[in-house]
């Protein structure tokens, strides 16, 4: 058992809020007790937080760590299969390399979980996975796979295939191709609601091609929608309503221009990467104010780096800059903890400091939104996987 004592515990739970001089007891991989005046059991390893801020591990809700690897160039880029605009059967877990240097950077920044998946070159890109950021074997790091199905609107699929004189050449074609894909998949799933035993498929090729949509049409996982421009966001909402699907609005760069429409949709937004250049027409209105304006309208908001577009370790900085431009400090922390966990549908095990949740914790000297703050330790699944030289554990 580990006992973290004398901590300023920012639980990210409404009922408990911030606990001064609090204690967290960790047994195996879970949080067993949280509060003040908790008796530390004999034999527990005690970690004195010395009044520093203890938070739930941060969550990156949309990135490409380990798929687009740092320092590797083309050899390490497995993000987009740019030969077919419809590839729902691709699985992120088959391309994530935990040896990518970005994973260490994430852990050192207090990021304990990440939603990782294919890029946005294809209309349907494949399946995301929710993983822990520490480990050597991706199979041991997975907490949910598939966790979402990636689809993309706008410039990326349009330019990738249009330059090859292939469809989709226009936004109309992107929407039409996605509708046709969803209609075909829906018909297949309705005819085959249960996954057949291997070797007993009526049509093995059809099962491989469309069976991966069962979790989408059952509502178990959302479509993870790449959409920057307001018109693309509205097209995504329109198609989701047509098919009765759940979606997350990833990037949502012009979401502040249609904040009320996004609120009415009921879909959450994963905003960013705003700490990047406006290198495409569709991100010309990108701004850190987007997260705050959406949140004030009643939209559930997370903040993303979209690593490697912005480096993963900049996630707290992105939260801070969103706060600077109108997101409240509390909502800023939510955007990289409990709100991100809810959007990723993992808030039952991560995102806040609560009894029974996984012991994913980060201890900060200073506030995480302050430039000179420092991560003193990062804990994942009850194990301290990073510690600063200031910590003598």
Protein backbone atom coordinates (compact mmCIF):
# COMPACT_ATOMS: atom_id res chain seq x y z
CA UNK A 1 0.00 0.00 0.00
CA UNK A 2 1.12 3.58 -0.75
CA UNK A 3 -0.01 6.60 1.25
CA UNK A 4 0.37 10.08 -0.24
CA UNK A 5 0.10 12.46 2.72
CA UNK A 6 0.04 16.23 3.26
CA UNK A 7 -1.27 16.88 -0.24
CA UNK A 8 -3.48 19.59 -1.63
CA UNK A 9 -5.81 17.13 -3.37
CA UNK A 10 -7.68 18.51 -6.37
CA UNK A 11 -10.15 15.65 -6.71
CA UNK A 12 -12.09 16.96 -9.75
CA UNK A 13 -15.18 15.62 -7.98
CA UNK A 14 -17.95 18.14 -7.18
CA UNK A 15 -18.74 16.51 -3.85
CA UNK A 16 -15.20 16.59 -2.46
CA UNK A 17 -13.62 19.49 -4.37
CA UNK A 18 -10.20 20.43 -3.02
CA UNK A 19 -8.92 18.75 0.14
CA UNK A 20 -6.17 20.61 1.98
CA UNK A 21 -3.54 18.53 3.80
CA UNK A 22 -5.26 15.40 2.59
CA UNK A 23 -4.26 11.77 2.23
CA UNK A 24 -4.76 9.27 -0.59
CA UNK A 25 -4.34 5.56 0.13
CA UNK A 26 -3.46 3.40 -2.86
CA UNK A 27 -3.67 -0.37 -2.83
CA UNK A 28 -2.55 -2.34 -5.87
CA UNK A 29 -3.77 -0.26 -8.83
CA UNK A 30 -6.70 1.53 -7.18
CA UNK A 31 -7.49 4.42 -4.88
CA UNK A 32 -8.80 3.01 -1.60
CA UNK A 33 -9.38 6.14 0.51
CA UNK A 34 -9.32 9.90 -0.04
CA UNK A 35 -9.73 12.58 2.62
CA UNK A 36 -8.41 14.28 5.71
CA UNK A 37 -7.22 12.64 8.93
CA UNK A 38 -6.96 9.21 7.34
CA UNK A 39 -4.94 6.75 9.38
CA UNK A 40 -2.01 5.38 7.42
CA UNK A 41 -1.81 1.58 7.86
CA UNK A 42 1.34 0.10 9.30
CA UNK A 43 3.77 -0.98 6.62
CA UNK A 44 2.45 1.43 3.97
CA UNK A 45 5.01 3.26 1.85
CA UNK A 46 4.51 6.92 2.74
CA UNK A 47 5.06 9.73 0.25
CA UNK A 48 5.04 13.22 1.76
CA UNK A 49 3.55 15.66 -0.76
CA UNK A 50 4.65 18.60 1.44
CA UNK A 51 1.56 20.62 0.59
CA UNK A 52 2.00 20.33 -3.16
CA UNK A 53 -0.93 19.86 -5.55
CA UNK A 54 -2.09 16.32 -6.25
CA UNK A 55 -4.34 15.90 -9.28
CA UNK A 56 -5.76 13.05 -11.33
CA UNK A 57 -3.48 12.10 -14.20
CA UNK A 58 -4.07 14.19 -17.29
CA UNK A 59 -5.86 12.75 -20.32
CA UNK A 60 -5.10 13.52 -23.96
CA UNK A 61 -8.42 12.96 -25.76
CA UNK A 62 -7.09 12.93 -29.33
CA UNK A 63 -3.55 12.28 -30.55
CA UNK A 64 -1.27 10.15 -32.70
CA UNK A 65 1.50 9.20 -30.27
CA UNK A 66 3.37 6.11 -31.36
CA UNK A 67 1.66 6.10 -34.76
CA UNK A 68 3.39 9.21 -36.01
CA UNK A 69 6.65 8.70 -34.15
CA UNK A 70 9.09 11.42 -33.27
CA UNK A 71 12.55 11.39 -34.89
CA UNK A 72 11.62 8.62 -37.37
CA UNK A 73 10.36 10.38 -40.50
CA UNK A 74 8.52 8.25 -43.05
CA UNK A 75 9.74 5.05 -41.42
CA UNK A 76 7.88 5.89 -38.23
CA UNK A 77 4.75 7.35 -39.82
CA UNK A 78 1.86 4.86 -39.76
CA UNK A 79 -0.89 7.42 -39.26
CA UNK A 80 -2.72 7.36 -42.59
CA UNK A 81 -3.40 4.58 -45.10
CA UNK A 82 -3.70 6.94 -48.05
CA UNK A 83 -4.78 4.47 -50.73
CA UNK A 84 -8.42 3.88 -49.82
CA UNK A 85 -10.75 6.55 -48.38
CA UNK A 86 -12.79 3.95 -46.45
CA UNK A 87 -10.76 1.84 -44.01
CA UNK A 88 -12.87 1.19 -40.89
CA UNK A 89 -11.14 -2.12 -40.18
CA UNK A 90 -7.75 -0.53 -39.41
CA UNK A 91 -6.84 -0.74 -35.72
CA UNK A 92 -4.62 1.76 -33.94
CA UNK A 93 -3.29 -0.94 -31.63
CA UNK A 94 -1.54 -2.55 -34.61
CA UNK A 95 0.55 0.60 -35.21
CA UNK A 96 1.17 2.20 -31.80
CA UNK A 97 4.85 1.94 -30.86
CA UNK A 98 5.25 2.45 -27.08
CA UNK A 99 8.97 3.04 -27.64
CA UNK A 100 8.15 6.38 -29.27
CA UNK A 101 9.88 9.13 -27.25
CA UNK A 102 6.55 10.94 -26.94
CA UNK A 103 5.36 8.42 -24.35
CA UNK A 104 8.13 9.41 -21.93
CA UNK A 105 7.38 13.09 -22.59
CA UNK A 106 3.72 12.43 -21.77
CA UNK A 107 4.49 10.67 -18.50
CA UNK A 108 6.94 13.40 -17.46
CA UNK A 109 4.20 15.99 -18.07
CA UNK A 110 1.66 14.13 -15.91
CA UNK A 111 -0.31 12.67 -18.83
CA UNK A 112 -1.38 9.17 -17.84
CA UNK A 113 -3.92 8.23 -20.54
CA UNK A 114 -4.37 9.01 -24.21
CA UNK A 115 -6.86 8.36 -26.97
CA UNK A 116 -4.70 7.32 -29.93
CA UNK A 117 -5.75 6.53 -33.46
CA UNK A 118 -5.42 7.03 -37.21
CA UNK A 119 -5.17 10.40 -38.89
CA UNK A 120 -7.63 12.27 -41.08
CA UNK A 121 -6.55 11.51 -44.65
CA UNK A 122 -9.46 9.09 -45.12
CA UNK A 123 -13.20 9.62 -44.88
CA UNK A 124 -13.22 6.64 -42.50
CA UNK A 125 -9.78 6.10 -41.03
CA UNK A 126 -10.14 3.26 -38.53
CA UNK A 127 -10.36 2.51 -34.83
CA UNK A 128 -8.96 4.53 -31.93
CA UNK A 129 -7.77 3.01 -28.65
CA UNK A 130 -7.69 4.43 -25.13
CA UNK A 131 -4.34 3.52 -23.61
CA UNK A 132 -2.11 4.22 -20.64
CA UNK A 133 1.05 6.15 -21.44
CA UNK A 134 3.53 3.90 -19.61
CA UNK A 135 4.63 0.48 -20.78
CA UNK A 136 6.58 -1.48 -23.34
CA UNK A 137 3.82 -3.71 -24.71
CA UNK A 138 0.74 -2.00 -26.14
CA UNK A 139 -1.44 -5.00 -25.25
CA UNK A 140 -0.74 -4.30 -21.56
CA UNK A 141 -1.42 -0.57 -21.95
CA UNK A 142 -4.85 -0.83 -23.60
CA UNK A 143 -7.85 0.09 -21.48
CA UNK A 144 -10.41 0.21 -24.28
CA UNK A 145 -10.11 -0.88 -27.91
CA UNK A 146 -11.88 -0.04 -30.05
CA UNK A 147 -12.71 3.21 -28.29
CA UNK A 148 -13.96 5.21 -31.29
CA UNK A 149 -14.21 5.07 -35.08
CA UNK A 150 -12.38 7.89 -36.89
CA UNK A 151 -14.10 9.81 -39.68
CA UNK A 152 -12.93 13.01 -41.34
CA UNK A 153 -14.44 15.97 -43.16
CA UNK A 154 -12.88 18.91 -44.95
CA UNK A 155 -9.52 19.54 -46.49
CA UNK A 156 -7.55 16.44 -45.53
CA UNK A 157 -9.55 13.73 -47.36
CA UNK A 158 -10.50 16.21 -50.08
CA UNK A 159 -6.90 17.17 -50.82
CA UNK A 160 -5.42 13.70 -50.32
CA UNK A 161 -7.67 12.08 -52.92
CA UNK A 162 -8.49 15.09 -55.07
CA UNK A 163 -4.83 15.49 -55.98
CA UNK A 164 -4.92 11.91 -57.25
CA UNK A 165 -7.97 12.68 -59.43
CA UNK A 166 -9.92 10.32 -57.23
CA UNK A 167 -13.02 10.67 -55.09
CA UNK A 168 -13.60 12.41 -52.73
CA UNK A 169 -12.79 15.53 -54.69
CA UNK A 170 -15.33 17.75 -52.91
CA UNK A 171 -17.03 18.12 -49.53
CA UNK A 172 -20.20 16.81 -51.16
CA UNK A 173 -18.39 13.60 -52.04
CA UNK A 174 -17.00 13.19 -48.51
CA UNK A 175 -20.50 13.39 -47.05
CA UNK A 176 -21.96 11.13 -49.75
CA UNK A 177 -19.26 8.50 -49.29
CA UNK A 178 -19.77 8.49 -45.54
CA UNK A 179 -23.55 8.20 -45.91
CA UNK A 180 -23.18 5.28 -48.30
CA UNK A 181 -20.67 3.62 -45.99
CA UNK A 182 -22.92 4.00 -42.95
CA UNK A 183 -26.01 2.85 -44.83
CA UNK A 184 -24.25 -0.28 -46.10
CA UNK A 185 -22.75 -0.98 -42.67
CA UNK A 186 -26.10 -0.45 -40.94
CA UNK A 187 -27.84 -2.89 -43.27
CA UNK A 188 -25.12 -5.46 -42.70
CA UNK A 189 -25.21 -5.10 -38.90
CA UNK A 190 -29.01 -5.34 -38.84
CA UNK A 191 -28.80 -8.59 -40.81
CA UNK A 192 -25.94 -9.86 -38.63
CA UNK A 193 -26.41 -8.35 -35.14
CA UNK A 194 -24.03 -10.82 -33.49
CA UNK A 195 -20.45 -11.41 -34.46
CA UNK A 196 -20.30 -14.93 -35.93
CA UNK A 197 -17.82 -17.53 -34.79
CA UNK A 198 -14.69 -17.62 -36.96
CA UNK A 199 -15.31 -19.83 -39.96
CA UNK A 200 -19.10 -19.51 -39.65
CA UNK A 201 -19.48 -16.16 -41.40
CA UNK A 202 -21.99 -15.99 -44.21
CA UNK A 203 -19.48 -13.77 -46.01
CA UNK A 204 -16.08 -13.42 -44.35
CA UNK A 205 -15.07 -10.43 -46.46
CA UNK A 206 -18.28 -8.57 -45.59
CA UNK A 207 -17.82 -9.39 -41.91
CA UNK A 208 -14.29 -8.05 -41.98
CA UNK A 209 -15.39 -4.94 -43.85
CA UNK A 210 -18.52 -4.02 -41.90
CA UNK A 211 -18.55 -6.05 -38.68
CA UNK A 212 -16.40 -3.40 -37.02
CA UNK A 213 -19.40 -1.03 -37.11
CA UNK A 214 -21.41 -3.06 -34.59
CA UNK A 215 -20.06 -1.04 -31.68
CA UNK A 216 -20.84 2.19 -33.55
CA UNK A 217 -24.48 1.35 -34.25
CA UNK A 218 -25.03 -0.10 -30.78
CA UNK A 219 -23.83 3.18 -29.27
CA UNK A 220 -20.93 1.51 -27.49
CA UNK A 221 -18.40 3.78 -29.21
CA UNK A 222 -18.77 7.12 -31.01
CA UNK A 223 -17.65 8.30 -34.39
CA UNK A 224 -14.59 10.47 -33.75
CA UNK A 225 -15.13 13.31 -36.20
CA UNK A 226 -12.29 15.38 -37.61
CA UNK A 227 -13.97 18.72 -38.42
CA UNK A 228 -12.47 22.20 -38.26
CA UNK A 229 -14.76 24.46 -40.28
CA UNK A 230 -18.27 25.41 -39.20
CA UNK A 231 -19.90 23.91 -42.28
CA UNK A 232 -18.04 20.62 -41.78
CA UNK A 233 -19.10 20.55 -38.13
CA UNK A 234 -22.73 21.02 -39.16
CA UNK A 235 -22.45 18.30 -41.82
CA UNK A 236 -21.10 15.92 -39.19
CA UNK A 237 -23.99 16.76 -36.85
CA UNK A 238 -26.50 16.33 -39.69
CA UNK A 239 -25.21 12.88 -40.64
CA UNK A 240 -25.02 11.77 -37.01
CA UNK A 241 -28.68 12.71 -36.57
CA UNK A 242 -29.67 10.92 -39.79
CA UNK A 243 -28.21 7.65 -38.51
CA UNK A 244 -28.85 8.13 -34.79
CA UNK A 245 -25.15 7.96 -33.92
CA UNK A 246 -23.01 9.42 -31.16
CA UNK A 247 -20.07 11.55 -32.24
CA UNK A 248 -17.31 13.64 -30.73
CA UNK A 249 -16.41 16.85 -32.53
CA UNK A 250 -12.63 16.75 -32.68
CA UNK A 251 -10.74 20.02 -33.37
CA UNK A 252 -13.96 22.04 -33.74
CA UNK A 253 -11.86 25.08 -34.67
CA UNK A 254 -14.82 27.21 -35.73
CA UNK A 255 -17.06 25.86 -33.00
CA UNK A 256 -17.18 29.27 -31.33
CA UNK A 257 -18.87 30.65 -34.47
CA UNK A 258 -21.75 28.16 -34.09
CA UNK A 259 -21.62 27.57 -30.34
CA UNK A 260 -25.39 27.42 -29.91
CA UNK A 261 -25.79 24.88 -32.71
CA UNK A 262 -23.07 22.71 -31.17
CA UNK A 263 -24.80 22.95 -27.79
CA UNK A 264 -28.14 21.93 -29.32
CA UNK A 265 -26.53 18.89 -30.90
CA UNK A 266 -25.59 17.54 -27.48
CA UNK A 267 -22.23 16.35 -28.79
CA UNK A 268 -18.98 17.13 -26.94
CA UNK A 269 -16.02 18.97 -28.43
CA UNK A 270 -12.31 18.16 -28.25
CA UNK A 271 -10.78 21.53 -29.10
CA UNK A 272 -7.36 22.07 -30.65
CA UNK A 273 -4.58 21.98 -31.55
CA UNK A 274 -4.60 25.75 -31.06
CA UNK A 275 -0.87 25.91 -30.27
CA UNK A 276 -0.02 25.42 -33.94
CA UNK A 277 0.20 27.42 -37.15
CA UNK A 278 -2.83 28.26 -39.27
CA UNK A 279 -1.37 26.30 -42.16
CA UNK A 280 -4.69 25.43 -43.82
CA UNK A 281 -7.68 27.47 -44.93
CA UNK A 282 -10.02 25.51 -42.66
CA UNK A 283 -8.10 26.56 -39.52
CA UNK A 284 -7.96 30.29 -40.34
CA UNK A 285 -10.31 31.03 -37.40
CA UNK A 286 -8.51 28.74 -34.96
CA UNK A 287 -8.17 30.43 -31.55
CA UNK A 288 -7.76 29.57 -27.88
CA UNK A 289 -11.07 31.34 -27.17
CA UNK A 290 -13.01 28.48 -28.79
CA UNK A 291 -12.90 26.18 -25.75
CA UNK A 292 -14.18 28.88 -23.39
CA UNK A 293 -16.99 30.03 -25.64
CA UNK A 294 -18.18 26.48 -26.23
CA UNK A 295 -18.00 25.70 -22.51
CA UNK A 296 -19.99 28.84 -21.65
CA UNK A 297 -22.64 27.70 -24.14
CA UNK A 298 -23.00 24.43 -22.25
CA UNK A 299 -20.84 22.14 -24.40
CA UNK A 300 -18.69 19.49 -22.70
CA UNK A 301 -15.15 20.44 -23.73
CA UNK A 302 -11.74 18.78 -23.69
CA UNK A 303 -8.48 20.28 -24.97
CA UNK A 304 -6.12 18.42 -27.30
CA UNK A 305 -2.57 18.78 -28.59
CA UNK A 306 -3.27 16.49 -31.56
CA UNK A 307 0.32 15.31 -31.05
CA UNK A 308 2.58 15.58 -33.01
CA UNK A 309 0.89 18.72 -34.42
CA UNK A 310 1.57 20.20 -30.98
CA UNK A 311 3.87 18.22 -28.73
CA UNK A 312 2.11 16.04 -26.18
CA UNK A 313 3.88 17.61 -23.19
CA UNK A 314 2.20 20.93 -24.09
CA UNK A 315 -1.24 19.68 -23.01
CA UNK A 316 -1.24 21.60 -19.68
CA UNK A 317 0.02 24.68 -21.52
CA UNK A 318 -2.84 24.39 -24.03
CA UNK A 319 -5.25 24.24 -21.10
CA UNK A 320 -3.61 27.32 -19.59
CA UNK A 321 -3.84 29.30 -22.82
CA UNK A 322 -7.51 28.38 -23.15
CA UNK A 323 -8.02 29.71 -19.60
CA UNK A 324 -6.19 32.90 -20.55
CA UNK A 325 -8.71 33.35 -23.39
CA UNK A 326 -11.87 32.80 -21.37
CA UNK A 327 -12.17 29.21 -20.13
CA UNK A 328 -12.52 29.22 -16.35
CA UNK A 329 -9.58 27.73 -14.38
CA UNK A 330 -11.85 24.95 -13.10
CA UNK A 331 -13.09 24.13 -16.60
CA UNK A 332 -9.51 24.26 -17.84
CA UNK A 333 -8.51 21.48 -15.45
CA UNK A 334 -11.67 19.57 -16.31
CA UNK A 335 -10.72 19.79 -19.99
CA UNK A 336 -7.63 17.64 -19.38
CA UNK A 337 -9.06 15.42 -16.62
CA UNK A 338 -12.67 14.53 -15.89
CA UNK A 339 -14.26 16.14 -18.98
CA UNK A 340 -11.74 14.41 -21.23
CA UNK A 341 -12.46 11.14 -19.41
CA UNK A 342 -16.21 11.57 -19.93
CA UNK A 343 -15.80 12.31 -23.62
CA UNK A 344 -13.61 9.21 -23.96
CA UNK A 345 -16.22 7.24 -21.94
CA UNK A 346 -13.61 6.27 -19.37
CA UNK A 347 -14.71 8.44 -16.43
CA UNK A 348 -15.74 5.34 -14.47
CA UNK A 349 -12.07 4.49 -13.96
CA UNK A 350 -10.01 7.67 -14.58
CA UNK A 351 -10.30 11.46 -14.62
CA UNK A 352 -10.77 12.19 -10.92
CA UNK A 353 -9.48 11.18 -7.50
CA UNK A 354 -12.20 9.00 -6.05
CA UNK A 355 -12.32 5.75 -4.13
CA UNK A 356 -12.39 2.78 -6.49
CA UNK A 357 -10.88 4.54 -9.48
CA UNK A 358 -7.50 3.64 -10.90
CA UNK A 359 -4.62 5.31 -9.08
CA UNK A 360 -3.49 7.63 -11.89
CA UNK A 361 -2.08 10.67 -10.09
CA UNK A 362 0.29 13.55 -10.70
CA UNK A 363 1.96 15.70 -8.03
CA UNK A 364 2.81 19.28 -9.04
CA UNK A 365 5.00 21.86 -7.37
CA UNK A 366 2.90 24.88 -8.31
CA UNK A 367 -0.23 24.98 -10.41
CA UNK A 368 -0.06 22.95 -13.65
CA UNK A 369 -1.13 26.01 -15.64
CA UNK A 370 1.85 28.05 -14.41
CA UNK A 371 4.89 28.06 -16.68
CA UNK A 372 7.46 27.29 -13.99
CA UNK A 373 5.50 24.51 -12.30
CA UNK A 374 7.09 21.09 -12.13
CA UNK A 375 5.84 17.53 -12.08
CA UNK A 376 7.25 15.88 -8.96
CA UNK A 377 5.87 12.44 -9.68
CA UNK A 378 3.50 10.66 -12.00
CA UNK A 379 1.66 7.53 -10.91
CA UNK A 380 -0.11 5.12 -13.27
CA UNK A 381 -2.14 2.16 -12.02
CA UNK A 382 -0.72 2.62 -8.53
CA UNK A 383 2.94 2.66 -9.57
CA UNK A 384 5.18 5.72 -9.60
CA UNK A 385 6.51 5.68 -13.15
CA UNK A 386 8.20 9.08 -13.15
CA UNK A 387 9.73 11.16 -10.41
CA UNK A 388 11.66 14.38 -10.37
CA UNK A 389 15.01 14.60 -8.57
CA UNK A 390 13.24 16.63 -5.83
CA UNK A 391 11.31 13.53 -4.80
CA UNK A 392 13.20 11.00 -2.67
CA UNK A 393 11.03 7.92 -2.82
